[in-house]
Protein backbone atom coordinates (compact mmCIF):
# COMPACT_ATOMS: atom_id res chain seq x y z
CA MET A 1 51.37 4.66 -35.47
CA ASN A 2 52.33 8.36 -35.23
CA ARG A 3 48.96 9.04 -37.05
CA ILE A 4 47.11 7.17 -34.32
CA LYS A 5 49.08 9.19 -31.58
CA LYS A 6 48.31 12.33 -32.95
CA ALA A 7 44.59 11.70 -33.45
CA LEU A 8 44.16 10.26 -29.76
CA LEU A 9 46.40 12.97 -28.06
CA PRO A 10 43.41 15.84 -28.75
CA ILE A 11 41.15 13.43 -27.38
CA ILE A 12 42.54 12.70 -24.19
CA VAL A 13 43.65 16.57 -23.78
CA PHE A 14 39.93 17.77 -24.33
CA ALA A 15 38.66 14.70 -22.02
CA LYS A 16 40.68 15.94 -19.18
CA ILE A 17 39.89 19.74 -19.85
CA ASP A 18 36.33 18.58 -19.64
CA ILE A 19 36.64 16.56 -16.60
CA LYS A 20 38.58 19.49 -14.78
CA ARG A 21 35.92 21.85 -16.06
CA LEU A 22 33.29 20.07 -14.30
CA PHE A 23 35.13 19.35 -10.91
CA ARG A 24 35.92 23.21 -10.99
CA ASP A 25 32.08 24.19 -11.33
CA LYS A 26 30.68 24.08 -8.01
CA VAL A 27 27.11 24.19 -9.54
CA ALA A 28 27.92 21.33 -11.79
CA ILE A 29 29.05 19.18 -9.07
CA PHE A 30 26.01 19.87 -7.38
CA PHE A 31 23.57 18.86 -9.98
CA VAL A 32 25.81 15.79 -11.27
CA PHE A 33 26.49 14.38 -7.85
CA PHE A 34 24.37 15.64 -5.38
CA PHE A 35 20.96 16.25 -6.81
CA PRO A 36 20.55 12.73 -7.74
CA LEU A 37 21.46 11.75 -4.33
CA ILE A 38 18.73 13.96 -2.99
CA PHE A 39 16.24 12.55 -5.24
CA LEU A 40 17.41 9.07 -4.23
CA ILE A 41 17.14 9.68 -0.74
CA ILE A 42 13.70 11.08 -0.95
CA PHE A 43 12.24 8.21 -3.07
CA GLY A 44 14.09 5.57 -1.13
CA SER A 45 12.56 7.01 2.28
CA ILE A 46 9.14 6.62 0.66
CA PHE A 47 9.50 3.42 -0.27
CA ASN A 48 11.31 2.25 2.45
CA ASN A 49 8.64 3.20 4.75
CA THR A 50 5.96 1.29 2.54
CA SER A 51 7.26 -2.06 3.53
CA ASP A 52 5.65 -1.71 7.00
CA VAL A 53 1.91 -1.64 7.43
CA SER A 54 1.34 1.44 9.90
CA PHE A 55 -2.18 3.40 10.26
CA LYS A 56 -2.53 7.07 11.45
CA VAL A 57 -5.41 6.87 13.55
CA GLY A 58 -7.14 8.55 16.37
CA LEU A 59 -8.12 6.99 19.63
CA VAL A 60 -10.80 7.88 21.97
CA ASN A 61 -11.50 5.96 25.22
CA GLN A 62 -14.62 6.61 26.61
CA SER A 63 -14.31 3.48 28.99
CA GLN A 64 -13.28 3.60 32.73
CA ALA A 65 -12.57 0.12 32.74
CA ASP A 66 -9.21 -1.45 33.88
CA PHE A 67 -9.71 -3.71 30.86
CA ALA A 68 -10.19 -0.80 28.31
CA LYS A 69 -7.06 1.17 29.73
CA ASP A 70 -4.84 -1.88 29.61
CA PHE A 71 -6.15 -2.12 26.14
CA GLU A 72 -5.29 1.33 25.02
CA LYS A 73 -1.85 1.16 26.22
CA GLN A 74 -1.49 -2.01 24.10
CA LEU A 75 -2.81 -0.25 21.13
CA ARG A 76 -0.28 2.66 21.83
CA SER A 77 2.60 0.34 22.07
CA ASN A 78 1.82 -1.41 18.70
CA ASP A 79 3.96 -0.24 15.69
CA VAL A 80 0.98 -0.88 13.44
CA PHE A 81 -0.90 2.06 14.97
CA ASP A 82 0.43 5.37 14.55
CA ILE A 83 -1.63 7.18 17.44
CA ASP A 84 -2.36 10.87 17.40
CA LYS A 85 -1.96 11.97 20.69
CA GLU A 86 -4.06 15.40 19.78
CA VAL A 87 -7.17 13.63 19.24
CA VAL A 88 -8.90 13.41 22.55
CA SER A 89 -12.80 13.30 21.31
CA VAL A 90 -14.95 12.28 18.58
CA ASP A 91 -15.27 15.75 17.09
CA ASP A 92 -11.41 16.09 17.08
CA ALA A 93 -11.24 13.03 15.19
CA ARG A 94 -13.87 13.60 12.61
CA GLU A 95 -12.16 17.22 12.15
CA LYS A 96 -8.81 15.56 11.20
CA MET A 97 -10.39 12.88 9.22
CA ASN A 98 -11.95 15.40 7.07
CA ARG A 99 -8.87 17.16 6.45
CA GLY A 100 -7.16 13.73 5.48
CA GLN A 101 -4.98 13.74 8.68
CA LEU A 102 -6.19 10.44 9.87
CA ASP A 103 -6.80 7.22 8.18
CA ALA A 104 -9.75 6.43 10.76
CA THR A 105 -10.39 6.35 14.51
CA ILE A 106 -10.92 3.68 16.85
CA ILE A 107 -13.60 4.41 19.54
CA LEU A 108 -13.88 2.42 22.61
CA PRO A 109 -17.31 2.96 24.20
CA ASP A 110 -18.17 3.72 27.85
CA THR A 111 -19.25 0.06 28.19
CA PHE A 112 -16.10 -1.74 26.59
CA GLY A 113 -14.10 -3.71 28.79
CA GLN A 114 -16.82 -4.07 31.39
CA ILE A 115 -17.07 -7.50 33.32
CA LYS A 116 -20.07 -9.68 31.78
CA ASN A 117 -22.24 -12.00 33.94
CA ASN A 118 -19.30 -11.65 36.61
CA LYS A 119 -16.89 -14.22 33.95
CA TYR A 120 -14.87 -12.06 31.71
CA PRO A 121 -14.64 -8.62 30.03
CA ALA A 122 -16.62 -7.90 26.97
CA GLY A 123 -17.49 -5.04 24.63
CA GLN A 124 -17.34 -3.71 20.97
CA ALA A 125 -14.72 -1.41 19.77
CA GLN A 126 -16.09 0.67 16.77
CA VAL A 127 -13.70 2.19 13.74
CA LEU A 128 -14.86 5.25 12.22
CA TYR A 129 -13.85 6.30 8.71
CA ASP A 130 -15.07 8.28 5.83
CA LYS A 131 -15.38 7.28 2.65
CA SER A 132 -12.16 8.02 1.20
CA ASN A 133 -10.42 5.75 3.46
CA GLU A 134 -12.47 2.60 3.45
CA GLN A 135 -9.72 0.38 2.20
CA ALA A 136 -7.60 1.42 4.95
CA ALA A 137 -10.59 1.18 7.25
CA GLN A 138 -11.20 -2.36 5.95
CA THR A 139 -7.54 -3.47 6.31
CA LEU A 140 -7.46 -1.61 9.97
CA THR A 141 -10.69 -3.72 10.92
CA SER A 142 -9.29 -6.90 9.92
CA ILE A 143 -6.21 -6.30 12.26
CA MET A 144 -8.36 -5.31 15.09
CA GLU A 145 -10.48 -8.49 14.61
CA SER A 146 -7.05 -10.38 14.64
CA ILE A 147 -6.24 -8.67 18.04
CA PHE A 148 -9.58 -9.45 19.73
CA GLY A 149 -9.09 -13.03 18.30
CA GLU A 150 -5.93 -13.76 20.15
CA ILE A 151 -7.66 -11.78 23.49
CA ASN A 152 -10.56 -14.08 22.85
CA ASP A 153 -8.86 -17.38 23.11
CA LYS A 154 -7.12 -16.46 26.28
CA LEU A 155 -10.56 -15.56 27.60
CA VAL A 156 -12.65 -18.40 26.36
CA PRO A 157 -10.56 -21.17 25.09
CA HIS A 158 -11.88 -23.17 22.10
CA ASP A 159 -11.23 -25.71 19.07
CA VAL A 160 -11.47 -24.60 15.76
CA PRO A 161 -12.12 -26.79 13.09
CA PHE A 162 -10.34 -24.75 10.35
CA SER A 163 -7.20 -22.69 10.56
CA VAL A 164 -4.29 -21.17 8.50
CA LYS A 165 -0.33 -21.15 8.68
CA ALA A 166 2.15 -18.83 7.34
CA GLU A 167 5.71 -20.07 6.57
CA THR A 168 8.55 -17.92 4.99
CA THR A 169 10.58 -18.89 2.14
CA ASP A 170 13.97 -18.12 3.79
CA THR A 171 14.55 -15.63 0.74
CA LYS A 172 14.92 -12.28 0.66
CA GLY A 173 12.28 -10.93 -2.16
CA LEU A 174 12.69 -7.67 -3.80
CA THR A 175 11.15 -4.22 -2.60
CA LYS A 176 9.52 -1.53 -4.40
CA PHE A 177 12.79 0.56 -3.69
CA ASP A 178 14.81 -1.95 -5.84
CA TYR A 179 12.77 -1.57 -8.81
CA THR A 180 12.47 2.33 -8.43
CA PHE A 181 15.84 2.63 -8.05
CA SER A 182 16.34 1.63 -11.62
CA GLY A 183 14.17 4.82 -12.80
CA ILE A 184 15.99 7.04 -10.43
CA LEU A 185 19.29 5.71 -12.01
CA GLY A 186 17.84 6.35 -15.55
CA PHE A 187 16.50 9.73 -14.87
CA THR A 188 20.03 10.82 -13.49
CA LEU A 189 21.85 9.50 -16.72
CA LEU A 190 19.10 11.35 -18.64
CA SER A 191 19.88 14.67 -16.76
CA LEU A 192 23.72 14.16 -17.15
CA GLY A 193 23.40 13.52 -20.81
CA ILE A 194 21.04 16.20 -21.84
CA PHE A 195 21.26 19.15 -19.49
CA GLY A 196 24.67 19.20 -19.16
CA PRO A 197 25.82 19.63 -23.09
CA THR A 198 22.53 21.74 -23.66
CA GLN A 199 23.71 24.28 -20.93
CA VAL A 200 27.73 24.00 -21.57
CA PHE A 201 27.98 24.07 -25.53
CA PRO A 202 25.78 27.33 -25.80
CA ARG A 203 27.85 28.70 -23.30
CA LEU A 204 30.92 28.05 -24.93
CA LYS A 205 29.35 29.59 -28.20
CA GLN A 206 28.64 32.58 -26.47
CA ARG A 207 32.10 32.86 -25.24
CA GLY A 208 33.69 32.28 -28.52
CA VAL A 209 35.55 29.27 -27.11
CA LEU A 210 34.44 26.68 -29.46
CA ARG A 211 35.40 29.50 -32.41
CA ARG A 212 38.60 29.36 -31.26
CA TYR A 213 38.87 25.55 -30.97
CA HIS A 214 37.47 25.36 -34.85
CA THR A 215 40.52 27.41 -35.88
CA THR A 216 42.91 24.77 -34.61
CA THR A 217 43.16 21.15 -36.29
CA LEU A 218 40.83 19.62 -33.89
CA LYS A 219 37.95 17.78 -35.58
CA VAL A 220 34.42 17.42 -34.76
CA TRP A 221 34.76 13.54 -34.06
CA GLN A 222 37.66 14.26 -31.90
CA TYR A 223 35.95 16.59 -29.76
CA PHE A 224 32.92 14.55 -29.48
CA VAL A 225 34.70 11.76 -28.75
CA ALA A 226 36.87 13.65 -25.94
CA ASN A 227 33.40 14.95 -24.25
CA VAL A 228 31.86 11.28 -24.56
CA ILE A 229 34.58 9.69 -22.45
CA SER A 230 34.57 12.43 -20.20
CA ASN A 231 30.93 12.36 -19.56
CA ALA A 232 30.93 8.45 -19.20
CA PHE A 233 33.78 8.54 -16.53
CA ILE A 234 31.46 11.24 -14.91
CA GLY A 235 28.38 9.15 -15.30
CA LEU A 236 30.05 6.20 -13.62
CA LEU A 237 31.25 8.05 -10.71
CA ALA A 238 27.75 9.57 -10.38
CA VAL A 239 26.15 5.85 -10.65
CA GLY A 240 28.63 4.62 -8.05
CA MET A 241 27.89 7.16 -5.21
CA MET A 242 24.12 6.51 -6.02
CA PHE A 243 24.79 2.87 -5.36
CA ALA A 244 26.81 3.28 -2.62
CA VAL A 245 23.91 5.37 -0.85
CA ALA A 246 21.26 2.82 -2.17
CA VAL A 247 23.17 -0.29 -0.84
CA THR A 248 24.07 1.36 2.79
CA MET A 249 20.83 3.23 3.52
CA PHE A 250 18.28 1.37 1.55
CA ASP A 251 19.48 -2.10 1.61
CA LEU A 252 19.52 -2.44 -2.30
CA ASN A 253 19.28 -6.06 -3.35
CA MET A 254 21.60 -5.97 -6.20
CA ARG A 255 21.31 -9.46 -8.03
CA GLY A 256 23.27 -8.72 -11.22
CA ASN A 257 26.94 -8.49 -12.09
CA TYR A 258 28.51 -5.09 -11.56
CA LEU A 259 30.32 -5.26 -14.75
CA VAL A 260 27.32 -5.70 -17.10
CA LEU A 261 25.45 -2.93 -15.14
CA ALA A 262 28.71 -0.51 -15.86
CA LEU A 263 28.80 -1.53 -19.53
CA VAL A 264 24.88 -1.00 -19.48
CA VAL A 265 25.64 2.29 -17.80
CA ILE A 266 28.45 3.58 -20.39
CA LEU A 267 26.09 2.67 -23.08
CA GLY A 268 23.20 4.38 -21.95
CA THR A 269 25.44 7.40 -21.21
CA VAL A 270 26.81 7.59 -24.44
CA MET A 271 23.65 7.29 -26.30
CA LEU A 272 21.93 9.97 -24.09
CA PHE A 273 24.75 12.32 -24.60
CA GLY A 274 24.40 12.38 -28.17
CA ILE A 275 21.16 13.74 -27.76
CA GLY A 276 22.52 16.49 -25.70
CA LEU A 277 25.42 16.96 -28.21
CA ALA A 278 23.01 17.23 -31.10
CA LEU A 279 20.82 20.06 -29.02
CA GLY A 280 23.66 21.77 -27.57
CA GLY A 281 25.74 21.71 -30.61
CA TRP A 282 22.92 22.90 -33.18
CA ALA A 283 21.46 25.65 -30.55
CA LYS A 284 23.11 29.41 -30.72
CA ASN A 285 22.38 30.26 -27.40
CA GLU A 286 20.74 28.66 -23.97
CA ASN A 287 17.38 30.41 -24.78
CA GLN A 288 17.17 28.10 -27.44
CA ALA A 289 18.52 25.02 -26.18
CA ALA A 290 16.67 24.86 -22.94
CA PRO A 291 13.18 24.42 -24.48
CA LEU A 292 14.67 21.93 -26.80
CA ALA A 293 16.12 20.07 -23.38
CA GLN A 294 12.70 19.97 -21.94
CA LEU A 295 10.89 19.28 -25.34
CA VAL A 296 12.76 15.86 -25.31
CA THR A 297 13.27 15.02 -21.91
CA LEU A 298 9.86 15.42 -20.59
CA PRO A 299 8.20 12.96 -22.79
CA MET A 300 11.11 10.28 -22.13
CA MET A 301 10.76 10.57 -18.18
CA PHE A 302 6.96 9.80 -18.23
CA LEU A 303 6.91 7.15 -21.01
CA SER A 304 10.24 4.99 -20.01
CA GLY A 305 9.23 3.77 -16.73
CA VAL A 306 10.89 6.07 -14.79
CA PHE A 307 8.40 7.08 -12.21
CA PHE A 308 5.84 4.25 -12.75
CA PRO A 309 5.88 0.61 -14.65
CA THR A 310 5.04 0.89 -18.47
CA PHE A 311 2.77 -1.93 -18.18
CA LEU A 312 0.29 0.38 -16.66
CA MET A 313 0.09 2.21 -20.00
CA PRO A 314 -2.58 1.51 -22.58
CA GLU A 315 -1.34 -1.47 -24.78
CA LEU A 316 -0.71 0.54 -27.68
CA LEU A 317 1.48 3.07 -25.86
CA GLN A 318 3.48 0.42 -24.68
CA LYS A 319 4.30 -0.97 -27.80
CA VAL A 320 5.50 2.92 -28.88
CA THR A 321 7.71 3.30 -25.40
CA GLN A 322 9.76 0.15 -26.03
CA PHE A 323 11.57 2.15 -28.93
CA ILE A 324 11.96 5.30 -26.72
CA PRO A 325 15.78 5.73 -26.19
CA LEU A 326 15.52 5.74 -21.96
CA THR A 327 13.31 2.96 -22.05
CA SER A 328 16.05 0.59 -23.27
CA VAL A 329 18.37 2.05 -20.54
CA VAL A 330 15.87 1.56 -17.78
CA ASP A 331 14.94 -1.58 -18.61
CA ALA A 332 18.55 -3.12 -19.10
CA VAL A 333 19.22 -1.79 -15.75
CA ARG A 334 16.30 -2.94 -14.07
CA LEU A 335 16.67 -6.60 -15.38
CA THR A 336 20.37 -6.55 -14.44
CA ILE A 337 19.66 -5.42 -10.74
CA THR A 338 16.63 -7.25 -10.22
CA GLU A 339 17.12 -10.56 -12.43
CA ASN A 340 20.68 -10.95 -12.84
CA ALA A 341 20.74 -10.64 -16.54
CA ASN A 342 23.75 -11.20 -18.69
CA LEU A 343 24.61 -9.53 -21.82
CA ILE A 344 22.76 -12.33 -23.88
CA ASP A 345 19.61 -11.77 -21.99
CA LEU A 346 20.16 -8.09 -22.44
CA ALA A 347 20.27 -8.18 -26.33
CA PRO A 348 17.07 -6.66 -27.32
CA GLU A 349 17.71 -3.33 -25.07
CA ILE A 350 21.76 -3.46 -26.16
CA GLY A 351 20.36 -3.42 -29.84
CA ILE A 352 18.11 -0.57 -29.49
CA MET A 353 20.60 1.57 -27.63
CA LEU A 354 23.34 0.69 -30.24
CA GLY A 355 20.62 1.47 -33.42
CA TRP A 356 19.64 4.74 -31.37
CA THR A 357 23.19 5.71 -30.44
CA VAL A 358 24.08 5.27 -34.25
CA ILE A 359 21.30 7.38 -35.44
CA ILE A 360 21.66 10.10 -33.06
CA TYR A 361 25.25 10.58 -33.62
CA LEU A 362 24.73 11.00 -37.05
CA ILE A 363 22.41 13.68 -36.47
CA ALA A 364 24.73 15.38 -34.00
CA PHE A 365 27.29 15.49 -36.55
CA LYS A 366 25.03 16.85 -39.14
CA VAL A 367 23.78 19.82 -36.95
CA PHE A 368 27.17 20.52 -34.87
CA ARG A 369 27.91 24.31 -35.00
CA TRP A 370 31.22 25.75 -33.96
CA GLU A 371 29.38 29.07 -33.48
């Protein structure tokens, strides 16, 4: 029992020291807690806005008819149309469309809305677009036809033999943000696990701190375990802050169990931190560590489903990416959040993470240098 206490005491002490060191470092606090939040807010705002269809359009009303004026007011009050107030002529519209500032332009010709045969107003609106926005223009044209269909039914009522009816399932589906959040969380754990130790350990070596540790009874495994514990604790805090922002600001649809997610985050953090330990423990200075960190992290960021789904990649590359360490973390987090996966469902991903953890820490123990 005394031996166990003596072995655990340095671990507890150095874990506390590492946590205190981080909270005293303002730069570290920013990159560990606030930089991921900025990243999350940017991506969350982008994907949150894509849930509603909206078109940036110009509107040129060349008609003096009362109906045309009323129709213009209706379009300007419609949330689907983000009408550029600076566009007052077709030339203005063409110039902005060439710059990519408008999706299309709606033109109401001078005959639009005039009374036809003293019965009802009529006319044809024109959707002007360039070839680069053809798909958006087709969608916009369909919306305009739907609007005119409602107006036509009021002016000239008639029965139609076929129709379509939409019905809701009354269940809340997943949004693009729900899927993207898993990638952002994986990117945060990757940054925390690799960039942290690759900056700290070389700095401690240059200052001679690790050399002084080496002169004590502290063993490598104790130092590793202490750093892993502190890093896992900090990782949970960072993920907790991200979850709070994601749920409150972007209505994250969390379908899984928080305990399962916490276990996945801890395991993923421990595994990725091992990579940082290996790189930072081997490098003599930051000039060596920084390029190695970039060399390892960049392929993982782009091949692990962080920024776009892996199923978009070629089939051969998909098979390779399954065994990249970060892929298992992102997949496990995504399955937990979006599909309520339990530990049995996550067995393949957890198995890959455990396998990589053993391999990575064996390498880290082998290459670690106290100076």
